[in-house]
Amino acid sequence: MLGVPHRNRVGLVALGLVTSCSGSSEPLAAPAPADSIPVVDAPAEPLLVEVAERVGLDFVHDRGATGKKYFPETMGGGGGFLDYDGDGHLDVYLVQGGPLEPSGGEPLPNRLYRNRGDGTFEDVTEGSGAGDTGYGMGCAFGDVDGDGWVDVYVTNFGRNTLLRNRGGTFEDVTAVAGVGDTGWGASCAFADYDADGDLDLYVVNYLDFTLATHRFCKEKGHHVYCHPDAYDGVPDVLYRNEGDGRFVDVTREAGVYVGGRGEAKGLGCVWFDHDRDGWLDLYVSNDSTRNFLFRNRGDGSFEEIGIPAGVAYNEWGQTEAGMGVAVGDVDGNGFDDLLITHLDMETNTLYRNAGPGGFEDRTKASGVGSASVRWVGFGVGFLDFDHDGDLDAYVANGHIIDNIADIYPGSTYEQRDQLLENVGGGRLADVSERAGPWFAELRAGRGTAFGDYDEDGDLDVLVMNCGGPVALLRNEVGQDRDWLALSLQTATGQAAYGARVELKAGGVTLHRSCLGASSYLAQGDPRVHFGLQGLGEIESAVVHWPGGEAQELDVSTLRRRTVVHVRQR
């Protein structure tokens, strides 16, 4: 079907949210809360406070809307946290859209904001070399050449760009590096998948769409953005880092090439060790086609196991509009779970990792289904926002179709974001209405990243909004609560993307992973954060490095309310 994405009514019936399977397009009733999810008392003060403009983040995303409903206009943009100048403070990089047609005006640059160290930012784009002017989508950060400076990769609708950090300024080295894919890039992520000491790169491609192949789609008499079924998919790309400034496309030889019209319409991706065998696996969320889970065999090749692992489809055997991806151990069993964002009337999906045997769809039992059915989710991530030791979740919402209200009365293009609190047993409760005024604001939320920008110990949230101003949500919860952050580096000094930490405190075992890019078009701070409020003394901490080595840490060095730097032996 072209136009408005399909409604997943079978899944809604199972959730108890729809009483008819007639297939009619009447507006659905607002979902009732799941009985198993308790009501959370209202806090005395807001949990998250929006501060972007007051701290100097004056970025406004331009989606370049022409009225012609070009598909890329509604999908961006991304960004995230990085320490580009090595001063220990988290800076902000934001990906810009701009005009799509050559006659639409001058291209617009991405923006780089330097953290002054006092909780405010200054725009340092001019003269930095960081202002790529492609029609931007997402980004990822990593030290690809091992020189101690974080580099930036940007995906575009068009040629992607690699910006090498020369010590605080950037140089476009795309051509030399060989990573200038010219498809429609979406999310991307660095990781050392072959454990050879340097960062490799995976780039997700979305649709085989160009301005010349643009289609006119209608729904109920209204001109709308087409459904992705209107276009072929485009295979993603895996680049292996050769260690000399060059990358090689190893997509086919590594076993991650999936082609065909009905597959590979990717939007989100994340590297993580799903089976805890020491090798980084790769998950890709695809839009209205099956998702991929590539299991790392440990010899430089992968096996696609999405279907047998239980993460290719939802529990009803249906594809969904896979967009953002979050990874984290929600239920405390030691294995990382997956939370995938989707369209309204589909629900977001929580896949519980049951161990090496695979995943199980816990969307209904967790409360994620009833909390998400009304919204279109994009950016997503797990964070312990209240420092109580378990992982909560944040979801940025916003519809794809900007005139959706004309087609489905009651639906809106701009939507409110959501904060979901972990209430135990792998269950998440929507506490948005009690989390502060920001959650009454309506935006078209897209890329979302997490990091402690003001260095007060709790995780803040950066939200990129399509066609609107960026939002920075300062966490007001955890300043007086116990926490610990670990900055994990490999033996060569790079961020140890994919490393896992097992920490025991007060008889409770917590598991956290060092993530590179995830969410949607975004990357957060890779430091591993533990909330420790109410837990006893730290009893042990073990880092499981990519490649399988385990390193036990001296607990006497793990003082609360500090960032501890750990380097692989």
Protein backbone atom coordinates (compact mmCIF):
# COMPACT_ATOMS: atom_id res chain seq x y z
CA MET A 1 0.00 0.00 0.00
CA LEU A 2 1.31 3.44 -0.86
CA GLY A 3 0.90 6.50 1.30
CA VAL A 4 0.06 6.04 4.97
CA PRO A 5 1.92 3.07 6.48
CA HIS A 6 -0.27 0.07 7.24
CA ARG A 7 -1.82 -0.47 10.66
CA ASN A 8 -0.91 -3.67 12.47
CA ARG A 9 -4.36 -4.61 13.76
CA VAL A 10 -3.58 -8.26 14.53
CA GLY A 11 -1.01 -7.26 17.11
CA LEU A 12 -3.36 -4.64 18.57
CA VAL A 13 -6.08 -7.20 19.12
CA ALA A 14 -3.63 -9.38 21.03
CA LEU A 15 -2.70 -6.40 23.17
CA GLY A 16 -6.34 -5.87 24.03
CA LEU A 17 -6.38 -2.46 22.34
CA VAL A 18 -8.74 -3.20 19.44
CA THR A 19 -12.01 -5.12 19.61
CA SER A 20 -12.67 -5.44 15.87
CA CYS A 21 -10.69 -7.04 13.03
CA SER A 22 -12.84 -5.55 10.29
CA GLY A 23 -9.86 -3.77 8.71
CA SER A 24 -11.70 -0.45 8.66
CA SER A 25 -9.74 2.74 9.06
CA GLU A 26 -11.76 4.32 11.85
CA PRO A 27 -9.73 6.03 14.58
CA LEU A 28 -8.78 3.62 17.36
CA ALA A 29 -9.66 4.22 20.97
CA ALA A 30 -6.90 5.38 23.28
CA PRO A 31 -5.19 2.35 24.80
CA ALA A 32 -5.91 1.35 28.35
CA PRO A 33 -2.92 1.01 30.65
CA ALA A 34 -1.62 -2.51 31.21
CA ASP A 35 -2.90 -3.89 34.51
CA SER A 36 0.52 -5.22 35.41
CA ILE A 37 2.17 -1.79 35.28
CA PRO A 38 1.84 0.18 38.52
CA VAL A 39 1.16 3.89 38.72
CA VAL A 40 4.26 5.86 39.68
CA ASP A 41 3.86 8.70 42.14
CA ALA A 42 4.40 12.20 40.77
CA PRO A 43 7.79 13.75 41.64
CA ALA A 44 8.00 17.03 43.51
CA GLU A 45 10.18 18.53 40.75
CA PRO A 46 10.56 17.87 36.99
CA LEU A 47 12.74 14.92 36.12
CA LEU A 48 14.09 16.33 32.85
CA VAL A 49 14.25 20.04 31.95
CA GLU A 50 14.73 21.36 28.40
CA VAL A 51 17.67 23.83 28.32
CA ALA A 52 19.06 23.86 24.76
CA GLU A 53 18.63 27.53 23.93
CA ARG A 54 19.76 28.80 27.31
CA VAL A 55 23.01 26.80 27.16
CA GLY A 56 23.88 27.92 23.63
CA LEU A 57 22.50 25.18 21.39
CA ASP A 58 20.67 27.35 18.85
CA PHE A 59 20.50 24.72 16.09
CA VAL A 60 17.30 24.42 14.04
CA HIS A 61 16.96 21.51 11.64
CA ASP A 62 15.90 22.40 8.08
CA ARG A 63 14.24 19.47 6.37
CA GLY A 64 14.03 21.29 3.04
CA ALA A 65 10.33 20.62 2.58
CA THR A 66 9.22 21.57 -0.94
CA GLY A 67 5.60 20.45 -0.90
CA LYS A 68 6.49 17.70 -3.37
CA LYS A 69 6.78 15.11 -0.55
CA TYR A 70 10.31 13.97 -1.31
CA PHE A 71 10.88 11.04 1.05
CA PRO A 72 14.14 12.31 2.69
CA GLU A 73 12.40 15.46 3.91
CA THR A 74 10.73 13.60 6.75
CA MET A 75 13.45 11.20 7.96
CA GLY A 76 16.30 13.33 9.45
CA GLY A 77 18.26 14.32 11.33
CA GLY A 78 20.82 12.98 13.71
CA GLY A 79 23.71 13.98 15.94
CA GLY A 80 25.21 13.22 19.29
CA PHE A 81 27.83 13.68 21.99
CA LEU A 82 31.58 13.47 21.45
CA ASP A 83 34.74 14.96 22.96
CA TYR A 84 36.27 16.28 19.75
CA ASP A 85 38.98 18.42 21.39
CA GLY A 86 40.08 15.98 24.08
CA ASP A 87 39.40 18.28 27.03
CA GLY A 88 37.20 15.78 28.87
CA HIS A 89 33.91 17.62 28.20
CA LEU A 90 31.15 16.32 25.95
CA ASP A 91 30.68 18.44 22.85
CA VAL A 92 27.70 18.24 20.48
CA TYR A 93 27.59 17.49 16.75
CA LEU A 94 24.34 18.07 14.86
CA VAL A 95 23.50 16.91 11.33
CA GLN A 96 21.67 19.35 9.07
CA GLY A 97 19.32 18.79 6.13
CA GLY A 98 18.76 21.72 3.77
CA PRO A 99 17.56 22.07 0.21
CA LEU A 100 17.19 18.89 -1.84
CA GLU A 101 16.79 20.53 -5.24
CA PRO A 102 19.75 22.41 -6.77
CA SER A 103 17.52 25.45 -7.16
CA GLY A 104 16.51 25.38 -3.52
CA GLY A 105 19.30 27.62 -2.27
CA GLU A 106 22.70 27.27 -0.67
CA PRO A 107 23.49 24.00 1.13
CA LEU A 108 23.51 24.16 4.91
CA PRO A 109 26.41 22.88 7.07
CA ASN A 110 26.28 20.48 9.99
CA ARG A 111 27.13 22.22 13.27
CA LEU A 112 29.76 21.55 15.92
CA TYR A 113 29.25 22.97 19.42
CA ARG A 114 32.12 23.06 21.89
CA ASN A 115 31.37 22.45 25.57
CA ARG A 116 32.93 25.31 27.53
CA GLY A 117 33.10 23.16 30.65
CA ASP A 118 30.60 25.27 32.57
CA GLY A 119 27.45 23.68 31.20
CA THR A 120 27.23 25.97 28.15
CA PHE A 121 28.21 25.59 24.49
CA GLU A 122 29.66 27.74 21.70
CA ASP A 123 29.26 27.16 17.98
CA VAL A 124 32.74 26.47 16.59
CA THR A 125 31.70 25.16 13.17
CA GLU A 126 33.29 27.96 11.20
CA GLY A 127 36.92 27.16 10.60
CA SER A 128 36.66 23.69 12.16
CA GLY A 129 36.15 21.74 8.95
CA ALA A 130 33.27 19.88 10.59
CA GLY A 131 30.47 21.55 8.63
CA ASP A 132 29.73 18.94 5.98
CA THR A 133 27.11 20.36 3.59
CA GLY A 134 25.48 17.22 2.22
CA TYR A 135 21.81 16.60 2.89
CA GLY A 136 22.57 14.98 6.23
CA MET A 137 21.03 12.02 7.98
CA GLY A 138 23.12 10.39 10.72
CA CYS A 139 26.60 10.21 12.21
CA ALA A 140 29.00 8.07 14.21
CA PHE A 141 32.16 8.93 16.14
CA GLY A 142 35.37 6.95 16.58
CA ASP A 143 39.15 7.22 16.43
CA VAL A 144 39.62 5.40 13.13
CA ASP A 145 43.36 6.05 12.76
CA GLY A 146 44.46 5.53 16.36
CA ASP A 147 45.92 9.01 16.79
CA GLY A 148 43.94 9.78 19.97
CA TRP A 149 41.41 12.13 18.33
CA VAL A 150 37.77 11.25 17.67
CA ASP A 151 36.81 11.30 13.99
CA VAL A 152 33.32 11.82 12.54
CA TYR A 153 31.46 9.86 9.88
CA VAL A 154 28.33 11.43 8.38
CA THR A 155 25.66 9.68 6.33
CA ASN A 156 23.84 11.70 3.69
CA PHE A 157 21.17 11.45 1.09
CA GLY A 158 24.02 11.20 -1.37
CA ARG A 159 27.75 10.82 -0.76
CA ASN A 160 28.72 10.04 2.83
CA THR A 161 31.66 11.82 4.46
CA LEU A 162 34.53 10.84 6.77
CA LEU A 163 36.02 13.78 8.68
CA ARG A 164 39.41 13.04 10.19
CA ASN A 165 40.17 14.92 13.40
CA ARG A 166 43.56 16.63 13.14
CA GLY A 167 43.66 17.73 16.77
CA GLY A 168 40.57 19.89 17.05
CA THR A 169 39.97 20.64 13.36
CA PHE A 170 38.72 18.27 10.68
CA GLU A 171 39.76 17.22 7.18
CA ASP A 172 37.58 15.43 4.64
CA VAL A 173 39.41 12.16 3.92
CA THR A 174 36.48 10.31 2.36
CA ALA A 175 38.11 9.66 -0.99
CA VAL A 176 41.39 8.42 0.47
CA ALA A 177 39.61 6.24 3.01
CA GLY A 178 37.25 4.78 0.41
CA VAL A 179 34.04 5.21 2.42
CA GLY A 180 32.07 7.62 0.23
CA ASP A 181 29.05 5.44 -0.43
CA THR A 182 26.57 7.39 -2.55
CA GLY A 183 23.33 5.69 -1.60
CA TRP A 184 20.81 6.99 0.90
CA GLY A 185 22.72 6.42 4.13
CA ALA A 186 20.85 6.25 7.43
CA SER A 187 22.39 5.03 10.70
CA CYS A 188 26.04 3.99 10.90
CA ALA A 189 28.29 2.60 13.64
CA PHE A 190 31.96 1.94 14.37
CA ALA A 191 33.23 -1.25 16.05
CA ASP A 192 36.26 -3.51 15.94
CA TYR A 193 34.36 -6.57 14.76
CA ASP A 194 37.50 -8.55 13.85
CA ALA A 195 39.43 -7.65 17.04
CA ASP A 196 42.51 -6.45 15.14
CA GLY A 197 42.82 -3.22 17.10
CA ASP A 198 41.19 -0.70 14.77
CA LEU A 199 37.63 0.46 14.23
CA ASP A 200 35.61 -0.88 11.32
CA LEU A 201 32.43 0.73 10.01
CA TYR A 202 28.93 -0.43 9.15
CA VAL A 203 26.66 1.86 7.11
CA VAL A 204 22.92 1.27 6.84
CA ASN A 205 21.28 2.23 3.55
CA TYR A 206 17.57 2.93 3.31
CA LEU A 207 15.78 3.08 -0.07
CA ASP A 208 16.71 3.24 -3.74
CA PHE A 209 15.21 6.70 -4.00
CA THR A 210 16.33 9.66 -6.11
CA LEU A 211 14.59 12.89 -7.02
CA ALA A 212 14.27 11.49 -10.53
CA THR A 213 12.45 8.35 -9.30
CA HIS A 214 10.20 10.23 -6.87
CA ARG A 215 6.62 8.97 -6.93
CA PHE A 216 3.37 10.82 -6.31
CA CYS A 217 1.37 9.01 -3.61
CA LYS A 218 -2.12 9.74 -2.32
CA GLU A 219 -4.21 8.58 0.62
CA LYS A 220 -7.87 9.52 0.99
CA GLY A 221 -7.39 12.20 -1.63
CA HIS A 222 -4.37 13.77 0.06
CA HIS A 223 -0.85 13.98 -1.34
CA VAL A 224 1.39 12.12 1.15
CA TYR A 225 4.89 10.70 1.58
CA CYS A 226 5.00 7.26 0.02
CA HIS A 227 5.23 4.02 1.95
CA PRO A 228 8.70 2.40 1.68
CA ASP A 229 7.08 -0.41 -0.32
CA ALA A 230 7.09 2.04 -3.24
CA TYR A 231 10.88 1.73 -3.58
CA ASP A 232 13.47 -1.01 -3.66
CA GLY A 233 15.80 -1.54 -0.74
CA VAL A 234 19.55 -0.94 -0.94
CA PRO A 235 22.11 -3.32 0.62
CA ASP A 236 24.11 -1.97 3.55
CA VAL A 237 27.91 -1.72 3.55
CA LEU A 238 30.53 -3.16 5.91
CA TYR A 239 33.96 -1.50 5.71
CA ARG A 240 37.00 -3.18 7.22
CA ASN A 241 39.67 -0.82 8.52
CA GLU A 242 43.02 -1.66 6.95
CA GLY A 243 44.96 0.27 9.57
CA ASP A 244 46.67 2.59 7.07
CA GLY A 245 43.93 5.19 6.59
CA ARG A 246 42.01 3.05 4.10
CA PHE A 247 38.86 0.98 4.41
CA VAL A 248 37.83 -1.97 2.23
CA ASP A 249 34.25 -2.94 1.40
CA VAL A 250 33.93 -6.51 2.71
CA THR A 251 30.12 -6.69 2.68
CA ARG A 252 29.89 -9.81 0.55
CA GLU A 253 32.92 -11.71 1.77
CA ALA A 254 31.98 -11.14 5.42
CA GLY A 255 28.48 -12.51 4.85
CA VAL A 256 26.43 -9.38 5.64
CA TYR A 257 25.19 -8.73 2.09
CA VAL A 258 21.41 -9.05 1.88
CA GLY A 259 19.88 -7.87 -1.38
CA GLY A 260 16.53 -7.87 -3.10
CA ARG A 261 13.57 -5.54 -3.36
CA GLY A 262 11.83 -6.95 -0.31
CA GLU A 263 14.77 -6.65 2.09
CA ALA A 264 17.52 -4.31 3.34
CA LYS A 265 15.50 -1.14 3.95
CA GLY A 266 17.54 -0.24 6.99
CA LEU A 267 17.24 2.70 9.36
CA GLY A 268 18.88 1.64 12.64
CA CYS A 269 21.84 -0.50 13.68
CA VAL A 270 23.92 -1.40 16.72
CA TRP A 271 26.96 -3.55 17.49
CA PHE A 272 26.67 -5.67 20.66
CA ASP A 273 27.67 -9.11 21.92
CA HIS A 274 24.25 -10.71 22.01
CA ASP A 275 25.45 -14.18 23.07
CA ARG A 276 28.40 -13.12 25.27
CA ASP A 277 30.94 -15.14 23.28
CA GLY A 278 33.40 -12.23 23.13
CA TRP A 279 32.67 -11.27 19.51
CA LEU A 280 30.58 -8.30 18.43
CA ASP A 281 27.36 -9.10 16.62
CA LEU A 282 25.32 -6.66 14.56
CA TYR A 283 21.60 -5.88 14.65
CA VAL A 284 19.87 -3.93 11.87
CA SER A 285 16.29 -2.64 12.06
CA ASN A 286 14.57 -2.53 8.66
CA ASP A 287 11.49 -0.56 7.67
CA SER A 288 8.59 -2.91 6.89
CA THR A 289 10.91 -5.80 6.07
CA ARG A 290 12.49 -8.39 8.35
CA ASN A 291 15.23 -7.26 10.72
CA PHE A 292 18.73 -8.75 10.64
CA LEU A 293 20.91 -10.19 13.38
CA PHE A 294 24.39 -11.00 12.13
CA ARG A 295 26.20 -13.38 14.47
CA ASN A 296 29.96 -12.89 14.47
CA ARG A 297 31.67 -16.23 13.86
CA GLY A 298 34.99 -14.91 15.17
CA ASP A 299 36.84 -15.46 11.89
CA GLY A 300 35.90 -12.19 10.18
CA SER A 301 32.60 -13.52 8.87
CA PHE A 302 28.97 -13.43 9.97
CA GLU A 303 25.87 -15.59 9.88
CA GLU A 304 22.43 -13.97 9.60
CA ILE A 305 20.24 -15.51 12.35
CA GLY A 306 17.41 -13.00 12.80
CA ILE A 307 14.64 -15.54 12.26
CA PRO A 308 15.92 -18.39 14.47
CA ALA A 309 16.99 -15.90 17.13
CA GLY A 310 13.45 -14.46 17.27
CA VAL A 311 14.24 -10.84 16.31
CA ALA A 312 13.37 -10.70 12.61
CA TYR A 313 9.61 -10.29 13.16
CA ASN A 314 7.30 -9.53 16.04
CA GLU A 315 5.61 -12.36 17.93
CA TRP A 316 2.80 -12.47 15.35
CA GLY A 317 5.27 -13.14 12.55
CA GLN A 318 4.84 -9.67 11.10
CA THR A 319 7.33 -7.12 9.87
CA GLU A 320 7.25 -3.69 11.44
CA ALA A 321 8.52 -0.21 10.59
CA GLY A 322 11.89 -0.68 12.29
CA MET A 323 13.55 2.66 13.01
CA GLY A 324 15.50 3.18 16.26
CA VAL A 325 17.38 0.52 18.23
CA ALA A 326 18.23 0.47 21.95
CA VAL A 327 20.40 -2.14 23.67
CA GLY A 328 20.52 -2.88 27.40
CA ASP A 329 19.88 -5.47 30.09
CA VAL A 330 16.38 -4.43 31.15
CA ASP A 331 15.54 -7.44 33.31
CA GLY A 332 18.96 -7.97 34.93
CA ASN A 333 19.63 -11.47 33.58
CA GLY A 334 23.06 -10.51 32.21
CA PHE A 335 22.13 -10.48 28.52
CA ASP A 336 21.40 -7.36 26.50
CA ASP A 337 17.82 -6.91 25.31
CA LEU A 338 16.59 -4.94 22.29
CA LEU A 339 13.96 -2.19 22.10
CA ILE A 340 12.93 -1.24 18.55
CA THR A 341 10.78 1.79 17.68
CA HIS A 342 7.97 1.59 15.12
CA LEU A 343 4.88 3.29 13.73
CA ASP A 344 1.75 4.06 15.66
CA MET A 345 -0.74 1.19 15.76
CA GLU A 346 2.19 -1.24 15.50
CA THR A 347 3.70 -0.66 18.96
CA ASN A 348 7.39 -0.55 19.72
CA THR A 349 8.86 -4.00 20.35
CA LEU A 350 10.88 -5.27 23.31
CA TYR A 351 12.87 -8.41 22.57
CA ARG A 352 14.06 -10.03 25.80
CA ASN A 353 17.40 -11.78 25.46
CA ALA A 354 16.97 -15.13 27.16
CA GLY A 355 20.61 -16.09 26.62
CA PRO A 356 22.37 -18.04 23.87
CA GLY A 357 19.06 -19.71 23.02
CA GLY A 358 17.64 -16.51 21.56
CA PHE A 359 15.12 -13.75 22.21
CA GLU A 360 11.44 -13.61 23.11
CA ASP A 361 8.98 -10.83 22.32
CA ARG A 362 7.97 -9.30 25.66
CA THR A 363 6.22 -6.24 24.25
CA LYS A 364 2.86 -6.83 25.94
CA ALA A 365 4.15 -8.17 29.27
CA SER A 366 6.66 -5.34 29.65
CA GLY A 367 4.09 -2.58 29.14
CA VAL A 368 5.90 -1.30 26.06
CA GLY A 369 2.97 -2.21 23.81
CA SER A 370 0.29 -0.19 25.56
CA ALA A 371 2.71 2.71 26.14
CA SER A 372 3.69 3.04 22.49
CA VAL A 373 0.69 2.12 20.37
CA ARG A 374 -0.41 5.73 19.82
CA TRP A 375 3.00 7.10 18.87
CA VAL A 376 5.55 6.95 16.04
CA GLY A 377 8.91 6.26 17.66
CA PHE A 378 12.35 7.11 16.28
CA GLY A 379 15.25 7.83 18.64
CA VAL A 380 15.44 5.50 21.63
CA GLY A 381 17.82 4.47 24.36
CA PHE A 382 18.15 2.80 27.73
CA LEU A 383 19.45 4.87 30.64
CA ASP A 384 19.27 4.71 34.42
CA PHE A 385 17.94 8.25 34.74
CA ASP A 386 17.16 7.93 38.47
CA HIS A 387 20.31 5.98 39.53
CA ASP A 388 18.33 3.14 41.13
CA GLY A 389 20.34 0.43 39.40
CA ASP A 390 17.95 -0.62 36.62
CA LEU A 391 17.58 0.62 33.06
CA ASP A 392 14.78 2.97 32.10
CA ALA A 393 14.04 4.10 28.52
CA TYR A 394 13.54 7.30 26.54
CA VAL A 395 11.69 7.44 23.21
CA ALA A 396 11.53 10.41 20.81
CA ASN A 397 8.24 10.46 18.89
CA GLY A 398 7.00 12.20 15.76
CA HIS A 399 4.98 11.09 12.76
CA ILE A 400 6.42 10.61 9.27
CA ILE A 401 3.52 12.19 7.37
CA ASP A 402 3.23 15.93 8.01
CA ASN A 403 -0.45 16.09 6.99
CA ILE A 404 -1.49 12.96 8.89
CA ALA A 405 -4.18 14.91 10.77
CA ASP A 406 -6.04 15.45 7.47
CA ILE A 407 -6.13 11.70 6.88
CA TYR A 408 -6.60 10.27 10.37
CA PRO A 409 -8.31 12.80 12.66
CA GLY A 410 -6.77 12.59 16.10
CA SER A 411 -3.31 11.79 14.78
CA THR A 412 -0.63 14.49 14.77
CA TYR A 413 2.69 14.99 12.95
CA GLU A 414 4.37 16.50 16.00
CA GLN A 415 4.10 14.31 19.09
CA ARG A 416 5.32 14.21 22.67
CA ASP A 417 8.33 12.18 23.76
CA GLN A 418 8.18 9.49 26.43
CA LEU A 419 10.12 8.57 29.56
CA LEU A 420 9.59 4.96 30.66
CA GLU A 421 10.61 3.97 34.17
CA ASN A 422 11.76 0.44 34.98
CA VAL A 423 9.49 -0.81 37.74
CA GLY A 424 11.09 -4.24 38.09
CA GLY A 425 10.81 -7.59 36.38
CA GLY A 426 11.58 -6.14 32.96
CA ARG A 427 8.47 -3.93 33.06
CA LEU A 428 8.43 -0.30 31.92
CA ALA A 429 5.88 2.32 33.01
CA ASP A 430 5.25 5.55 31.10
CA VAL A 431 5.95 8.40 33.56
CA SER A 432 6.05 11.14 30.92
CA GLU A 433 3.10 13.10 32.29
CA ARG A 434 4.89 13.38 35.62
CA ALA A 435 8.38 14.00 34.22
CA GLY A 436 8.17 17.74 33.51
CA PRO A 437 6.76 20.35 31.09
CA TRP A 438 8.93 19.15 28.22
CA PHE A 439 6.76 16.05 27.84
CA ALA A 440 3.78 18.19 26.94
CA GLU A 441 5.70 19.76 24.04
CA LEU A 442 4.94 18.49 20.54
CA ARG A 443 7.88 17.94 18.15
CA ALA A 444 8.78 15.64 15.28
CA GLY A 445 11.41 13.74 17.25
CA ARG A 446 14.15 11.87 15.39
CA GLY A 447 17.77 11.18 16.43
CA THR A 448 18.35 10.88 20.19
CA ALA A 449 21.59 10.59 22.17
CA PHE A 450 22.51 10.24 25.85
CA GLY A 451 25.40 11.60 27.91
CA ASP A 452 26.35 13.59 31.01
CA TYR A 453 27.08 16.93 29.32
CA ASP A 454 27.14 18.97 32.56
CA GLU A 455 29.23 16.43 34.49
CA ASP A 456 26.91 16.16 37.48
CA GLY A 457 26.78 12.37 37.32
CA ASP A 458 23.42 11.75 35.70
CA LEU A 459 22.59 11.12 32.05
CA ASP A 460 21.09 13.92 29.98
CA VAL A 461 19.21 13.55 26.67
CA LEU A 462 19.85 15.24 23.32
CA VAL A 463 16.90 15.11 20.89
CA MET A 464 17.08 16.15 17.25
CA ASN A 465 13.74 17.24 15.85
CA CYS A 466 12.89 17.12 12.16
CA GLY A 467 12.30 20.64 10.89
CA GLY A 468 12.61 22.12 14.38
CA PRO A 469 15.03 23.18 17.13
CA VAL A 470 17.27 20.72 18.92
CA ALA A 471 16.32 19.87 22.50
CA LEU A 472 18.73 19.23 25.37
CA LEU A 473 17.09 17.71 28.44
CA ARG A 474 19.04 18.24 31.62
CA ASN A 475 18.53 15.46 34.15
CA GLU A 476 17.45 16.89 37.50
CA VAL A 477 17.14 13.58 39.34
CA GLY A 478 20.50 12.12 40.13
CA GLN A 479 22.84 14.85 41.37
CA ASP A 480 22.58 13.72 44.99
CA ARG A 481 22.48 10.02 44.23
CA ASP A 482 25.29 7.50 43.98
CA TRP A 483 26.68 6.53 40.59
CA LEU A 484 29.82 5.31 38.86
CA ALA A 485 30.97 5.84 35.27
CA LEU A 486 33.70 3.84 33.55
CA SER A 487 35.57 5.16 30.53
CA LEU A 488 36.76 2.00 28.77
CA GLN A 489 39.65 2.08 26.32
CA THR A 490 41.28 -0.67 24.30
CA ALA A 491 45.00 -1.35 24.52
CA THR A 492 45.46 0.98 21.54
CA GLY A 493 43.61 3.82 23.28
CA GLN A 494 40.31 3.76 21.41
CA ALA A 495 36.87 3.61 22.97
CA ALA A 496 36.17 -0.06 23.64
CA TYR A 497 32.87 -0.27 21.76
CA GLY A 498 31.20 -3.55 22.63
CA ALA A 499 32.99 -4.14 25.94
CA ARG A 500 30.74 -5.40 28.75
CA VAL A 501 31.04 -4.68 32.46
CA GLU A 502 29.68 -6.91 35.21
CA LEU A 503 29.54 -5.06 38.52
CA LYS A 504 28.36 -6.45 41.86
CA ALA A 505 27.24 -4.13 44.65
CA GLY A 506 25.18 -4.90 47.73
CA GLY A 507 24.47 -8.41 46.48
CA VAL A 508 23.07 -7.11 43.18
CA THR A 509 24.77 -7.77 39.84
CA LEU A 510 24.52 -5.07 37.17
CA HIS A 511 25.48 -5.48 33.51
CA ARG A 512 26.26 -2.61 31.16
CA SER A 513 27.76 -2.43 27.66
CA CYS A 514 29.93 0.23 26.04
CA LEU A 515 27.98 1.26 22.95
CA GLY A 516 29.01 3.13 19.87
CA ALA A 517 26.27 4.54 17.68
CA SER A 518 22.74 3.21 18.25
CA SER A 519 19.31 4.81 18.72
CA TYR A 520 18.42 6.42 15.37
CA LEU A 521 21.02 8.38 13.36
CA ALA A 522 22.83 9.17 16.60
CA GLN A 523 25.62 8.36 19.04
CA GLY A 524 25.86 9.05 22.75
CA ASP A 525 28.69 9.11 25.26
CA PRO A 526 30.35 5.65 25.26
CA ARG A 527 31.19 5.80 28.97
CA VAL A 528 29.47 3.01 30.91
CA HIS A 529 27.14 4.40 33.59
CA PHE A 530 25.94 2.64 36.74
CA GLY A 531 23.30 3.97 39.11
CA LEU A 532 24.17 2.81 42.62
CA GLN A 533 21.69 4.60 44.86
CA GLY A 534 20.62 2.36 47.74
CA LEU A 535 23.08 -0.38 46.84
CA GLY A 536 25.84 -1.41 49.22
CA GLU A 537 29.58 -1.50 48.72
CA ILE A 538 30.99 -2.40 45.32
CA GLU A 539 32.08 -6.02 45.68
CA SER A 540 33.58 -6.74 42.27
CA ALA A 541 33.81 -5.42 38.72
CA VAL A 542 34.91 -7.32 35.62
CA VAL A 543 35.38 -5.89 32.13
CA HIS A 544 34.79 -8.31 29.25
CA TRP A 545 36.72 -6.82 26.34
CA PRO A 546 35.87 -7.42 22.67
CA GLY A 547 37.69 -10.56 21.65
CA GLY A 548 36.93 -12.37 24.91
CA GLU A 549 39.53 -11.21 27.46
CA ALA A 550 38.19 -10.65 30.99
CA GLN A 551 39.85 -8.11 33.28
CA GLU A 552 38.99 -7.83 36.98
CA LEU A 553 39.18 -4.31 38.37
CA ASP A 554 40.51 -3.25 41.75
CA VAL A 555 37.33 -2.21 43.56
CA SER A 556 39.30 0.14 45.83
CA THR A 557 39.73 2.43 42.80
CA LEU A 558 36.00 2.51 42.02
CA ARG A 559 34.90 5.44 44.12
CA ARG A 560 31.30 6.50 43.82
CA ARG A 561 30.34 9.70 42.01
CA THR A 562 33.46 9.58 39.84
CA VAL A 563 34.47 8.73 36.29
CA VAL A 564 37.11 6.00 36.34
CA HIS A 565 39.32 5.42 33.29
CA VAL A 566 40.08 1.78 32.52
CA ARG A 567 42.49 0.62 29.83
CA GLN A 568 42.75 -2.90 28.50
CA ARG A 569 45.90 -4.71 29.55
